[in-house]
mmCIF file of all heavy atoms, coordinates in Angstrom:
data_MODEL
# 
_entry.id   MODEL 
# 
loop_
_atom_site.group_PDB 
_atom_site.id 
_atom_site.type_symbol 
_atom_site.label_atom_id 
_atom_site.label_alt_id 
_atom_site.label_comp_id 
_atom_site.label_asym_id 
_atom_site.label_entity_id 
_atom_site.label_seq_id 
_atom_site.pdbx_PDB_ins_code 
_atom_site.Cartn_x 
_atom_site.Cartn_y 
_atom_site.Cartn_z 
_atom_site.occupancy 
_atom_site.B_iso_or_equiv 
_atom_site.pdbx_formal_charge 
_atom_site.auth_seq_id 
_atom_site.auth_comp_id 
_atom_site.auth_asym_id 
_atom_site.auth_atom_id 
_atom_site.pdbx_PDB_model_num 
ATOM 1   N N   . ARG A 1 1  ? -2.345 39.055 -42.611 1.00 0.00 ? 1  ARG A N   1 
ATOM 2   C CA  . ARG A 1 1  ? -2.217 40.469 -42.448 1.00 0.00 ? 1  ARG A CA  1 
ATOM 3   C C   . ARG A 1 1  ? -0.972 41.031 -43.175 1.00 0.00 ? 1  ARG A C   1 
ATOM 4   O O   . ARG A 1 1  ? -1.044 42.100 -43.815 1.00 0.00 ? 1  ARG A O   1 
ATOM 5   C CB  . ARG A 1 1  ? -2.191 40.824 -40.960 1.00 0.00 ? 1  ARG A CB  1 
ATOM 6   C CG  . ARG A 1 1  ? -3.512 40.769 -40.309 1.00 0.00 ? 1  ARG A CG  1 
ATOM 7   C CD  . ARG A 1 1  ? -3.422 41.094 -38.848 1.00 0.00 ? 1  ARG A CD  1 
ATOM 8   N NE  . ARG A 1 1  ? -4.783 41.120 -38.268 1.00 0.00 ? 1  ARG A NE  1 
ATOM 9   C CZ  . ARG A 1 1  ? -4.993 40.993 -36.945 1.00 0.00 ? 1  ARG A CZ  1 
ATOM 10  N NH1 . ARG A 1 1  ? -4.011 40.795 -36.086 1.00 0.00 ? 1  ARG A NH1 1 
ATOM 11  N NH2 . ARG A 1 1  ? -6.229 41.018 -36.510 1.00 0.00 ? 1  ARG A NH2 1 
ATOM 12  N N   . ARG A 1 2  ? 0.138  40.281 -43.048 1.00 0.00 ? 2  ARG A N   1 
ATOM 13  C CA  . ARG A 1 2  ? 1.414  40.748 -43.736 1.00 0.00 ? 2  ARG A CA  1 
ATOM 14  C C   . ARG A 1 2  ? 1.157  40.754 -45.224 1.00 0.00 ? 2  ARG A C   1 
ATOM 15  O O   . ARG A 1 2  ? 1.532  41.666 -45.932 1.00 0.00 ? 2  ARG A O   1 
ATOM 16  C CB  . ARG A 1 2  ? 2.545  39.850 -43.358 1.00 0.00 ? 2  ARG A CB  1 
ATOM 17  C CG  . ARG A 1 2  ? 3.145  40.105 -41.995 1.00 0.00 ? 2  ARG A CG  1 
ATOM 18  C CD  . ARG A 1 2  ? 4.520  39.361 -41.821 1.00 0.00 ? 2  ARG A CD  1 
ATOM 19  N NE  . ARG A 1 2  ? 4.418  37.953 -42.118 1.00 0.00 ? 2  ARG A NE  1 
ATOM 20  C CZ  . ARG A 1 2  ? 4.107  37.046 -41.222 1.00 0.00 ? 2  ARG A CZ  1 
ATOM 21  N NH1 . ARG A 1 2  ? 3.821  37.353 -39.950 1.00 0.00 ? 2  ARG A NH1 1 
ATOM 22  N NH2 . ARG A 1 2  ? 4.062  35.732 -41.550 1.00 0.00 ? 2  ARG A NH2 1 
ATOM 23  N N   . HIS A 1 3  ? 0.562  39.685 -45.698 1.00 0.00 ? 3  HIS A N   1 
ATOM 24  C CA  . HIS A 1 3  ? 0.252  39.561 -47.117 1.00 0.00 ? 3  HIS A CA  1 
ATOM 25  C C   . HIS A 1 3  ? -0.630 40.691 -47.601 1.00 0.00 ? 3  HIS A C   1 
ATOM 26  O O   . HIS A 1 3  ? -0.446 41.316 -48.667 1.00 0.00 ? 3  HIS A O   1 
ATOM 27  C CB  . HIS A 1 3  ? -0.324 38.191 -47.445 1.00 0.00 ? 3  HIS A CB  1 
ATOM 28  C CG  . HIS A 1 3  ? -0.445 37.873 -48.895 1.00 0.00 ? 3  HIS A CG  1 
ATOM 29  N ND1 . HIS A 1 3  ? -1.509 37.237 -49.422 1.00 0.00 ? 3  HIS A ND1 1 
ATOM 30  C CD2 . HIS A 1 3  ? 0.405  38.074 -49.916 1.00 0.00 ? 3  HIS A CD2 1 
ATOM 31  C CE1 . HIS A 1 3  ? -1.319 37.077 -50.755 1.00 0.00 ? 3  HIS A CE1 1 
ATOM 32  N NE2 . HIS A 1 3  ? -0.149 37.624 -51.044 1.00 0.00 ? 3  HIS A NE2 1 
ATOM 33  N N   . LEU A 1 4  ? -1.664 41.012 -46.843 1.00 0.00 ? 4  LEU A N   1 
ATOM 34  C CA  . LEU A 1 4  ? -2.586 42.069 -47.115 1.00 0.00 ? 4  LEU A CA  1 
ATOM 35  C C   . LEU A 1 4  ? -1.873 43.420 -47.199 1.00 0.00 ? 4  LEU A C   1 
ATOM 36  O O   . LEU A 1 4  ? -2.081 44.191 -48.144 1.00 0.00 ? 4  LEU A O   1 
ATOM 37  C CB  . LEU A 1 4  ? -3.725 42.091 -46.157 1.00 0.00 ? 4  LEU A CB  1 
ATOM 38  C CG  . LEU A 1 4  ? -4.837 43.159 -46.360 1.00 0.00 ? 4  LEU A CG  1 
ATOM 39  C CD1 . LEU A 1 4  ? -5.480 42.972 -47.727 1.00 0.00 ? 4  LEU A CD1 1 
ATOM 40  C CD2 . LEU A 1 4  ? -5.871 43.069 -45.264 1.00 0.00 ? 4  LEU A CD2 1 
ATOM 41  N N   . ARG A 1 5  ? -1.000 43.709 -46.255 1.00 0.00 ? 5  ARG A N   1 
ATOM 42  C CA  . ARG A 1 5  ? -0.255 44.972 -46.266 1.00 0.00 ? 5  ARG A CA  1 
ATOM 43  C C   . ARG A 1 5  ? 0.600  45.071 -47.479 1.00 0.00 ? 5  ARG A C   1 
ATOM 44  O O   . ARG A 1 5  ? 0.690  46.097 -48.144 1.00 0.00 ? 5  ARG A O   1 
ATOM 45  C CB  . ARG A 1 5  ? 0.604  45.062 -44.998 1.00 0.00 ? 5  ARG A CB  1 
ATOM 46  C CG  . ARG A 1 5  ? -0.230 45.522 -43.787 1.00 0.00 ? 5  ARG A CG  1 
ATOM 47  C CD  . ARG A 1 5  ? 0.705  45.882 -42.623 1.00 0.00 ? 5  ARG A CD  1 
ATOM 48  N NE  . ARG A 1 5  ? 1.519  44.787 -42.124 1.00 0.00 ? 5  ARG A NE  1 
ATOM 49  C CZ  . ARG A 1 5  ? 1.145  43.946 -41.158 1.00 0.00 ? 5  ARG A CZ  1 
ATOM 50  N NH1 . ARG A 1 5  ? 0.024  44.093 -40.534 1.00 0.00 ? 5  ARG A NH1 1 
ATOM 51  N NH2 . ARG A 1 5  ? 2.005  42.996 -40.838 1.00 0.00 ? 5  ARG A NH2 1 
ATOM 52  N N   . ARG A 1 6  ? 1.249  43.975 -47.849 1.00 0.00 ? 6  ARG A N   1 
ATOM 53  C CA  . ARG A 1 6  ? 2.061  43.947 -49.055 1.00 0.00 ? 6  ARG A CA  1 
ATOM 54  C C   . ARG A 1 6  ? 1.237  44.229 -50.331 1.00 0.00 ? 6  ARG A C   1 
ATOM 55  O O   . ARG A 1 6  ? 1.625  45.021 -51.160 1.00 0.00 ? 6  ARG A O   1 
ATOM 56  C CB  . ARG A 1 6  ? 2.781  42.610 -49.120 1.00 0.00 ? 6  ARG A CB  1 
ATOM 57  C CG  . ARG A 1 6  ? 3.886  42.515 -50.176 1.00 0.00 ? 6  ARG A CG  1 
ATOM 58  C CD  . ARG A 1 6  ? 4.749  41.251 -50.068 1.00 0.00 ? 6  ARG A CD  1 
ATOM 59  N NE  . ARG A 1 6  ? 4.032  40.011 -49.865 1.00 0.00 ? 6  ARG A NE  1 
ATOM 60  C CZ  . ARG A 1 6  ? 4.009  39.284 -48.719 1.00 0.00 ? 6  ARG A CZ  1 
ATOM 61  N NH1 . ARG A 1 6  ? 4.735  39.639 -47.690 1.00 0.00 ? 6  ARG A NH1 1 
ATOM 62  N NH2 . ARG A 1 6  ? 3.371  38.167 -48.654 1.00 0.00 ? 6  ARG A NH2 1 
ATOM 63  N N   . LEU A 1 7  ? 0.117  43.580 -50.399 1.00 0.00 ? 7  LEU A N   1 
ATOM 64  C CA  . LEU A 1 7  ? -0.761 43.803 -51.557 1.00 0.00 ? 7  LEU A CA  1 
ATOM 65  C C   . LEU A 1 7  ? -1.314 45.246 -51.574 1.00 0.00 ? 7  LEU A C   1 
ATOM 66  O O   . LEU A 1 7  ? -1.415 45.861 -52.629 1.00 0.00 ? 7  LEU A O   1 
ATOM 67  C CB  . LEU A 1 7  ? -1.940 42.821 -51.519 1.00 0.00 ? 7  LEU A CB  1 
ATOM 68  C CG  . LEU A 1 7  ? -1.543 41.367 -51.817 1.00 0.00 ? 7  LEU A CG  1 
ATOM 69  C CD1 . LEU A 1 7  ? -2.725 40.440 -51.570 1.00 0.00 ? 7  LEU A CD1 1 
ATOM 70  C CD2 . LEU A 1 7  ? -1.046 41.179 -53.207 1.00 0.00 ? 7  LEU A CD2 1 
ATOM 71  N N   . GLN A 1 8  ? -1.604 45.762 -50.416 1.00 0.00 ? 8  GLN A N   1 
ATOM 72  C CA  . GLN A 1 8  ? -2.151 47.174 -50.359 1.00 0.00 ? 8  GLN A CA  1 
ATOM 73  C C   . GLN A 1 8  ? -1.079 48.180 -50.823 1.00 0.00 ? 8  GLN A C   1 
ATOM 74  O O   . GLN A 1 8  ? -1.373 49.134 -51.491 1.00 0.00 ? 8  GLN A O   1 
ATOM 75  C CB  . GLN A 1 8  ? -2.612 47.539 -48.960 1.00 0.00 ? 8  GLN A CB  1 
ATOM 76  C CG  . GLN A 1 8  ? -3.925 46.846 -48.642 1.00 0.00 ? 8  GLN A CG  1 
ATOM 77  C CD  . GLN A 1 8  ? -4.371 47.015 -47.200 1.00 0.00 ? 8  GLN A CD  1 
ATOM 78  O OE1 . GLN A 1 8  ? -3.489 47.159 -46.294 1.00 0.00 ? 8  GLN A OE1 1 
ATOM 79  N NE2 . GLN A 1 8  ? -5.669 46.987 -46.915 1.00 0.00 ? 8  GLN A NE2 1 
ATOM 80  N N   . ARG A 1 9  ? 0.224  47.907 -50.441 1.00 0.00 ? 9  ARG A N   1 
ATOM 81  C CA  . ARG A 1 9  ? 1.320  48.754 -50.900 1.00 0.00 ? 9  ARG A CA  1 
ATOM 82  C C   . ARG A 1 9  ? 1.448  48.677 -52.439 1.00 0.00 ? 9  ARG A C   1 
ATOM 83  O O   . ARG A 1 9  ? 1.638  49.657 -53.101 1.00 0.00 ? 9  ARG A O   1 
ATOM 84  C CB  . ARG A 1 9  ? 2.604  48.371 -50.233 1.00 0.00 ? 9  ARG A CB  1 
ATOM 85  C CG  . ARG A 1 9  ? 2.778  48.927 -48.811 1.00 0.00 ? 9  ARG A CG  1 
ATOM 86  C CD  . ARG A 1 9  ? 4.183  48.793 -48.277 1.00 0.00 ? 9  ARG A CD  1 
ATOM 87  N NE  . ARG A 1 9  ? 4.633  47.404 -48.206 1.00 0.00 ? 9  ARG A NE  1 
ATOM 88  C CZ  . ARG A 1 9  ? 4.502  46.599 -47.156 1.00 0.00 ? 9  ARG A CZ  1 
ATOM 89  N NH1 . ARG A 1 9  ? 3.916  47.008 -46.097 1.00 0.00 ? 9  ARG A NH1 1 
ATOM 90  N NH2 . ARG A 1 9  ? 4.969  45.373 -47.241 1.00 0.00 ? 9  ARG A NH2 1 
ATOM 91  N N   . ALA A 1 10 ? 1.370  47.492 -52.910 1.00 0.00 ? 10 ALA A N   1 
ATOM 92  C CA  . ALA A 1 10 ? 1.438  47.287 -54.395 1.00 0.00 ? 10 ALA A CA  1 
ATOM 93  C C   . ALA A 1 10 ? 0.315  47.997 -55.089 1.00 0.00 ? 10 ALA A C   1 
ATOM 94  O O   . ALA A 1 10 ? 0.518  48.633 -56.174 1.00 0.00 ? 10 ALA A O   1 
ATOM 95  C CB  . ALA A 1 10 ? 1.508  45.781 -54.742 1.00 0.00 ? 10 ALA A CB  1 
ATOM 96  N N   . LEU A 1 11 ? -0.901 47.873 -54.566 1.00 0.00 ? 11 LEU A N   1 
ATOM 97  C CA  . LEU A 1 11 ? -2.040 48.520 -55.104 1.00 0.00 ? 11 LEU A CA  1 
ATOM 98  C C   . LEU A 1 11 ? -1.875 50.055 -55.112 1.00 0.00 ? 11 LEU A C   1 
ATOM 99  O O   . LEU A 1 11 ? -2.140 50.761 -56.111 1.00 0.00 ? 11 LEU A O   1 
ATOM 100 C CB  . LEU A 1 11 ? -3.313 48.127 -54.366 1.00 0.00 ? 11 LEU A CB  1 
ATOM 101 C CG  . LEU A 1 11 ? -4.581 48.799 -54.873 1.00 0.00 ? 11 LEU A CG  1 
ATOM 102 C CD1 . LEU A 1 11 ? -4.851 48.517 -56.325 1.00 0.00 ? 11 LEU A CD1 1 
ATOM 103 C CD2 . LEU A 1 11 ? -5.786 48.353 -53.979 1.00 0.00 ? 11 LEU A CD2 1 
ATOM 104 N N   . ALA A 1 12 ? -1.412 50.614 -54.023 1.00 0.00 ? 12 ALA A N   1 
ATOM 105 C CA  . ALA A 1 12 ? -1.170 52.048 -53.882 1.00 0.00 ? 12 ALA A CA  1 
ATOM 106 C C   . ALA A 1 12 ? -0.146 52.461 -54.949 1.00 0.00 ? 12 ALA A C   1 
ATOM 107 O O   . ALA A 1 12 ? -0.246 53.562 -55.545 1.00 0.00 ? 12 ALA A O   1 
ATOM 108 C CB  . ALA A 1 12 ? -0.724 52.426 -52.490 1.00 0.00 ? 12 ALA A CB  1 
ATOM 109 N N   . GLU A 1 13 ? 0.908  51.729 -55.121 1.00 0.00 ? 13 GLU A N   1 
ATOM 110 C CA  . GLU A 1 13 ? 1.940  52.039 -56.086 1.00 0.00 ? 13 GLU A CA  1 
ATOM 111 C C   . GLU A 1 13 ? 1.366  52.046 -57.499 1.00 0.00 ? 13 GLU A C   1 
ATOM 112 O O   . GLU A 1 13 ? 1.636  52.931 -58.309 1.00 0.00 ? 13 GLU A O   1 
ATOM 113 C CB  . GLU A 1 13 ? 3.097  51.018 -55.999 1.00 0.00 ? 13 GLU A CB  1 
ATOM 114 C CG  . GLU A 1 13 ? 4.254  51.339 -56.919 1.00 0.00 ? 13 GLU A CG  1 
ATOM 115 C CD  . GLU A 1 13 ? 5.368  50.288 -56.747 1.00 0.00 ? 13 GLU A CD  1 
ATOM 116 O OE1 . GLU A 1 13 ? 5.629  49.884 -55.667 1.00 0.00 ? 13 GLU A OE1 1 
ATOM 117 O OE2 . GLU A 1 13 ? 5.979  49.982 -57.782 1.00 0.00 ? 13 GLU A OE2 1 
ATOM 118 N N   . GLU A 1 14 ? 0.549  51.041 -57.825 1.00 0.00 ? 14 GLU A N   1 
ATOM 119 C CA  . GLU A 1 14 ? -0.005 50.981 -59.162 1.00 0.00 ? 14 GLU A CA  1 
ATOM 120 C C   . GLU A 1 14 ? -1.034 52.150 -59.373 1.00 0.00 ? 14 GLU A C   1 
ATOM 121 O O   . GLU A 1 14 ? -1.105 52.704 -60.459 1.00 0.00 ? 14 GLU A O   1 
ATOM 122 C CB  . GLU A 1 14 ? -0.722 49.634 -59.404 1.00 0.00 ? 14 GLU A CB  1 
ATOM 123 C CG  . GLU A 1 14 ? 0.255  48.497 -59.470 1.00 0.00 ? 14 GLU A CG  1 
ATOM 124 C CD  . GLU A 1 14 ? 1.265  48.618 -60.550 1.00 0.00 ? 14 GLU A CD  1 
ATOM 125 O OE1 . GLU A 1 14 ? 0.934  48.993 -61.681 1.00 0.00 ? 14 GLU A OE1 1 
ATOM 126 O OE2 . GLU A 1 14 ? 2.503  48.419 -60.259 1.00 0.00 ? 14 GLU A OE2 1 
ATOM 127 N N   . ARG A 1 15 ? -1.761 52.497 -58.357 1.00 0.00 ? 15 ARG A N   1 
ATOM 128 C CA  . ARG A 1 15 ? -2.710 53.635 -58.465 1.00 0.00 ? 15 ARG A CA  1 
ATOM 129 C C   . ARG A 1 15 ? -1.934 54.895 -58.708 1.00 0.00 ? 15 ARG A C   1 
ATOM 130 O O   . ARG A 1 15 ? -2.364 55.749 -59.491 1.00 0.00 ? 15 ARG A O   1 
ATOM 131 C CB  . ARG A 1 15 ? -3.563 53.770 -57.211 1.00 0.00 ? 15 ARG A CB  1 
ATOM 132 C CG  . ARG A 1 15 ? -4.665 52.722 -57.166 1.00 0.00 ? 15 ARG A CG  1 
ATOM 133 C CD  . ARG A 1 15 ? -5.583 53.004 -55.982 1.00 0.00 ? 15 ARG A CD  1 
ATOM 134 N NE  . ARG A 1 15 ? -6.715 52.120 -56.061 1.00 0.00 ? 15 ARG A NE  1 
ATOM 135 C CZ  . ARG A 1 15 ? -7.400 51.724 -55.026 1.00 0.00 ? 15 ARG A CZ  1 
ATOM 136 N NH1 . ARG A 1 15 ? -7.041 52.096 -53.787 1.00 0.00 ? 15 ARG A NH1 1 
ATOM 137 N NH2 . ARG A 1 15 ? -8.422 50.930 -55.120 1.00 0.00 ? 15 ARG A NH2 1 
ATOM 138 N N   . PHE A 1 16 ? -0.826 55.073 -58.024 1.00 0.00 ? 16 PHE A N   1 
ATOM 139 C CA  . PHE A 1 16 ? 0.049  56.293 -58.238 1.00 0.00 ? 16 PHE A CA  1 
ATOM 140 C C   . PHE A 1 16 ? 0.539  56.299 -59.702 1.00 0.00 ? 16 PHE A C   1 
ATOM 141 O O   . PHE A 1 16 ? 0.433  57.335 -60.349 1.00 0.00 ? 16 PHE A O   1 
ATOM 142 C CB  . PHE A 1 16 ? 1.247  56.239 -57.303 1.00 0.00 ? 16 PHE A CB  1 
ATOM 143 C CG  . PHE A 1 16 ? 2.234  57.299 -57.589 1.00 0.00 ? 16 PHE A CG  1 
ATOM 144 C CD1 . PHE A 1 16 ? 1.986  58.646 -57.140 1.00 0.00 ? 16 PHE A CD1 1 
ATOM 145 C CD2 . PHE A 1 16 ? 3.397  57.018 -58.326 1.00 0.00 ? 16 PHE A CD2 1 
ATOM 146 C CE1 . PHE A 1 16 ? 2.931  59.610 -57.482 1.00 0.00 ? 16 PHE A CE1 1 
ATOM 147 C CE2 . PHE A 1 16 ? 4.314  58.003 -58.613 1.00 0.00 ? 16 PHE A CE2 1 
ATOM 148 C CZ  . PHE A 1 16 ? 4.102  59.312 -58.186 1.00 0.00 ? 16 PHE A CZ  1 
ATOM 149 N N   . LYS A 1 17 ? 0.997  55.160 -60.221 1.00 0.00 ? 17 LYS A N   1 
ATOM 150 C CA  . LYS A 1 17 ? 1.472  55.118 -61.564 1.00 0.00 ? 17 LYS A CA  1 
ATOM 151 C C   . LYS A 1 17 ? 0.362  55.483 -62.576 1.00 0.00 ? 17 LYS A C   1 
ATOM 152 O O   . LYS A 1 17 ? 0.642  56.247 -63.528 1.00 0.00 ? 17 LYS A O   1 
ATOM 153 C CB  . LYS A 1 17 ? 2.033  53.759 -61.895 1.00 0.00 ? 17 LYS A CB  1 
ATOM 154 C CG  . LYS A 1 17 ? 3.347  53.413 -61.216 1.00 0.00 ? 17 LYS A CG  1 
ATOM 155 C CD  . LYS A 1 17 ? 3.740  51.960 -61.584 1.00 0.00 ? 17 LYS A CD  1 
ATOM 156 C CE  . LYS A 1 17 ? 4.880  51.452 -60.745 1.00 0.00 ? 17 LYS A CE  1 
ATOM 157 N NZ  . LYS A 1 17 ? 5.215  50.077 -61.126 1.00 0.00 ? 17 LYS A NZ  1 
ATOM 158 N N   . VAL A 1 18 ? -0.789 54.954 -62.335 1.00 0.00 ? 18 VAL A N   1 
ATOM 159 C CA  . VAL A 1 18 ? -1.916 55.287 -63.238 1.00 0.00 ? 18 VAL A CA  1 
ATOM 160 C C   . VAL A 1 18 ? -2.210 56.744 -63.231 1.00 0.00 ? 18 VAL A C   1 
ATOM 161 O O   . VAL A 1 18 ? -2.386 57.338 -64.279 1.00 0.00 ? 18 VAL A O   1 
ATOM 162 C CB  . VAL A 1 18 ? -3.179 54.432 -62.848 1.00 0.00 ? 18 VAL A CB  1 
ATOM 163 C CG1 . VAL A 1 18 ? -4.376 54.955 -63.574 1.00 0.00 ? 18 VAL A CG1 1 
ATOM 164 C CG2 . VAL A 1 18 ? -2.984 52.970 -63.187 1.00 0.00 ? 18 VAL A CG2 1 
ATOM 165 N N   . GLY A 1 19 ? -2.284 57.321 -62.034 1.00 0.00 ? 19 GLY A N   1 
ATOM 166 C CA  . GLY A 1 19 ? -2.564 58.733 -61.941 1.00 0.00 ? 19 GLY A CA  1 
ATOM 167 C C   . GLY A 1 19 ? -1.532 59.615 -62.605 1.00 0.00 ? 19 GLY A C   1 
ATOM 168 O O   . GLY A 1 19 ? -1.764 60.575 -63.343 1.00 0.00 ? 19 GLY A O   1 
ATOM 169 N N   . TYR A 1 20 ? -0.242 59.213 -62.372 1.00 0.00 ? 20 TYR A N   1 
ATOM 170 C CA  . TYR A 1 20 ? 0.882  59.956 -62.946 1.00 0.00 ? 20 TYR A CA  1 
ATOM 171 C C   . TYR A 1 20 ? 0.845  59.888 -64.457 1.00 0.00 ? 20 TYR A C   1 
ATOM 172 O O   . TYR A 1 20 ? 0.994  60.878 -65.152 1.00 0.00 ? 20 TYR A O   1 
ATOM 173 C CB  . TYR A 1 20 ? 2.196  59.396 -62.416 1.00 0.00 ? 20 TYR A CB  1 
ATOM 174 C CG  . TYR A 1 20 ? 3.378  60.043 -63.029 1.00 0.00 ? 20 TYR A CG  1 
ATOM 175 C CD1 . TYR A 1 20 ? 3.886  61.181 -62.533 1.00 0.00 ? 20 TYR A CD1 1 
ATOM 176 C CD2 . TYR A 1 20 ? 4.046  59.417 -64.072 1.00 0.00 ? 20 TYR A CD2 1 
ATOM 177 C CE1 . TYR A 1 20 ? 5.023  61.833 -63.114 1.00 0.00 ? 20 TYR A CE1 1 
ATOM 178 C CE2 . TYR A 1 20 ? 5.142  60.003 -64.692 1.00 0.00 ? 20 TYR A CE2 1 
ATOM 179 C CZ  . TYR A 1 20 ? 5.625  61.234 -64.158 1.00 0.00 ? 20 TYR A CZ  1 
ATOM 180 O OH  . TYR A 1 20 ? 6.749  61.798 -64.786 1.00 0.00 ? 20 TYR A OH  1 
ATOM 181 N N   . LEU A 1 21 ? 0.655  58.646 -64.997 1.00 0.00 ? 21 LEU A N   1 
ATOM 182 C CA  . LEU A 1 21 ? 0.665  58.498 -66.443 1.00 0.00 ? 21 LEU A CA  1 
ATOM 183 C C   . LEU A 1 21 ? -0.505 59.174 -67.111 1.00 0.00 ? 21 LEU A C   1 
ATOM 184 O O   . LEU A 1 21 ? -0.407 59.767 -68.191 1.00 0.00 ? 21 LEU A O   1 
ATOM 185 C CB  . LEU A 1 21 ? 0.738  57.013 -66.810 1.00 0.00 ? 21 LEU A CB  1 
ATOM 186 C CG  . LEU A 1 21 ? 2.049  56.314 -66.455 1.00 0.00 ? 21 LEU A CG  1 
ATOM 187 C CD1 . LEU A 1 21 ? 1.931  54.799 -66.592 1.00 0.00 ? 21 LEU A CD1 1 
ATOM 188 C CD2 . LEU A 1 21 ? 3.194  56.870 -67.232 1.00 0.00 ? 21 LEU A CD2 1 
ATOM 189 N N   . GLU A 1 22 ? -1.681 59.141 -66.457 1.00 0.00 ? 22 GLU A N   1 
ATOM 190 C CA  . GLU A 1 22 ? -2.851 59.766 -67.041 1.00 0.00 ? 22 GLU A CA  1 
ATOM 191 C C   . GLU A 1 22 ? -2.637 61.296 -67.069 1.00 0.00 ? 22 GLU A C   1 
ATOM 192 O O   . GLU A 1 22 ? -2.971 61.980 -68.103 1.00 0.00 ? 22 GLU A O   1 
ATOM 193 C CB  . GLU A 1 22 ? -4.115 59.444 -66.218 1.00 0.00 ? 22 GLU A CB  1 
ATOM 194 C CG  . GLU A 1 22 ? -4.625 58.078 -66.454 1.00 0.00 ? 22 GLU A CG  1 
ATOM 195 C CD  . GLU A 1 22 ? -5.804 57.691 -65.574 1.00 0.00 ? 22 GLU A CD  1 
ATOM 196 O OE1 . GLU A 1 22 ? -6.005 58.355 -64.533 1.00 0.00 ? 22 GLU A OE1 1 
ATOM 197 O OE2 . GLU A 1 22 ? -6.493 56.741 -65.871 1.00 0.00 ? 22 GLU A OE2 1 
ATOM 198 N N   . ALA A 1 23 ? -2.051 61.861 -66.008 1.00 0.00 ? 23 ALA A N   1 
ATOM 199 C CA  . ALA A 1 23 ? -1.797 63.327 -65.980 1.00 0.00 ? 23 ALA A CA  1 
ATOM 200 C C   . ALA A 1 23 ? -0.805 63.682 -67.014 1.00 0.00 ? 23 ALA A C   1 
ATOM 201 O O   . ALA A 1 23 ? -0.872 64.673 -67.717 1.00 0.00 ? 23 ALA A O   1 
ATOM 202 C CB  . ALA A 1 23 ? -1.324 63.714 -64.566 1.00 0.00 ? 23 ALA A CB  1 
ATOM 203 N N   . ALA A 1 24 ? 0.290  62.859 -67.162 1.00 0.00 ? 24 ALA A N   1 
ATOM 204 C CA  . ALA A 1 24 ? 1.345  63.148 -68.145 1.00 0.00 ? 24 ALA A CA  1 
ATOM 205 C C   . ALA A 1 24 ? 0.753  63.124 -69.561 1.00 0.00 ? 24 ALA A C   1 
ATOM 206 O O   . ALA A 1 24 ? 1.089  63.939 -70.433 1.00 0.00 ? 24 ALA A O   1 
ATOM 207 C CB  . ALA A 1 24 ? 2.483  62.133 -68.011 1.00 0.00 ? 24 ALA A CB  1 
ATOM 208 N N   . LEU A 1 25 ? -0.077 62.122 -69.816 1.00 0.00 ? 25 LEU A N   1 
ATOM 209 C CA  . LEU A 1 25 ? -0.695 62.057 -71.160 1.00 0.00 ? 25 LEU A CA  1 
ATOM 210 C C   . LEU A 1 25 ? -1.654 63.181 -71.441 1.00 0.00 ? 25 LEU A C   1 
ATOM 211 O O   . LEU A 1 25 ? -1.766 63.642 -72.557 1.00 0.00 ? 25 LEU A O   1 
ATOM 212 C CB  . LEU A 1 25 ? -1.376 60.689 -71.346 1.00 0.00 ? 25 LEU A CB  1 
ATOM 213 C CG  . LEU A 1 25 ? -0.485 59.513 -71.477 1.00 0.00 ? 25 LEU A CG  1 
ATOM 214 C CD1 . LEU A 1 25 ? -1.232 58.201 -71.411 1.00 0.00 ? 25 LEU A CD1 1 
ATOM 215 C CD2 . LEU A 1 25 ? 0.294  59.585 -72.783 1.00 0.00 ? 25 LEU A CD2 1 
ATOM 216 N N   . ALA A 1 26 ? -2.327 63.693 -70.363 1.00 0.00 ? 26 ALA A N   1 
ATOM 217 C CA  . ALA A 1 26 ? -3.215 64.768 -70.557 1.00 0.00 ? 26 ALA A CA  1 
ATOM 218 C C   . ALA A 1 26 ? -2.498 66.068 -70.887 1.00 0.00 ? 26 ALA A C   1 
ATOM 219 O O   . ALA A 1 26 ? -2.988 66.916 -71.645 1.00 0.00 ? 26 ALA A O   1 
ATOM 220 C CB  . ALA A 1 26 ? -4.067 64.936 -69.275 1.00 0.00 ? 26 ALA A CB  1 
ATOM 221 N N   . ARG A 1 27 ? -1.276 66.181 -70.426 1.00 0.00 ? 27 ARG A N   1 
ATOM 222 C CA  . ARG A 1 27 ? -0.402 67.344 -70.705 1.00 0.00 ? 27 ARG A CA  1 
ATOM 223 C C   . ARG A 1 27 ? 0.367  67.260 -71.980 1.00 0.00 ? 27 ARG A C   1 
ATOM 224 O O   . ARG A 1 27 ? 0.833  68.238 -72.486 1.00 0.00 ? 27 ARG A O   1 
ATOM 225 C CB  . ARG A 1 27 ? 0.547  67.554 -69.529 1.00 0.00 ? 27 ARG A CB  1 
ATOM 226 C CG  . ARG A 1 27 ? -0.003 68.054 -68.227 1.00 0.00 ? 27 ARG A CG  1 
ATOM 227 C CD  . ARG A 1 27 ? 1.025  68.453 -67.267 1.00 0.00 ? 27 ARG A CD  1 
ATOM 228 N NE  . ARG A 1 27 ? 2.081  67.384 -67.009 1.00 0.00 ? 27 ARG A NE  1 
ATOM 229 C CZ  . ARG A 1 27 ? 1.958  66.478 -66.086 1.00 0.00 ? 27 ARG A CZ  1 
ATOM 230 N NH1 . ARG A 1 27 ? 0.968  66.480 -65.314 1.00 0.00 ? 27 ARG A NH1 1 
ATOM 231 N NH2 . ARG A 1 27 ? 2.958  65.629 -65.961 1.00 0.00 ? 27 ARG A NH2 1 
# 
């Protein structure tokens, strides 16, 4: 469960980065 929570946080961070960079590139 601890490992899963850590991986979910990392996934959420990467998804945020992808969204941010895609929006920045679109602008």
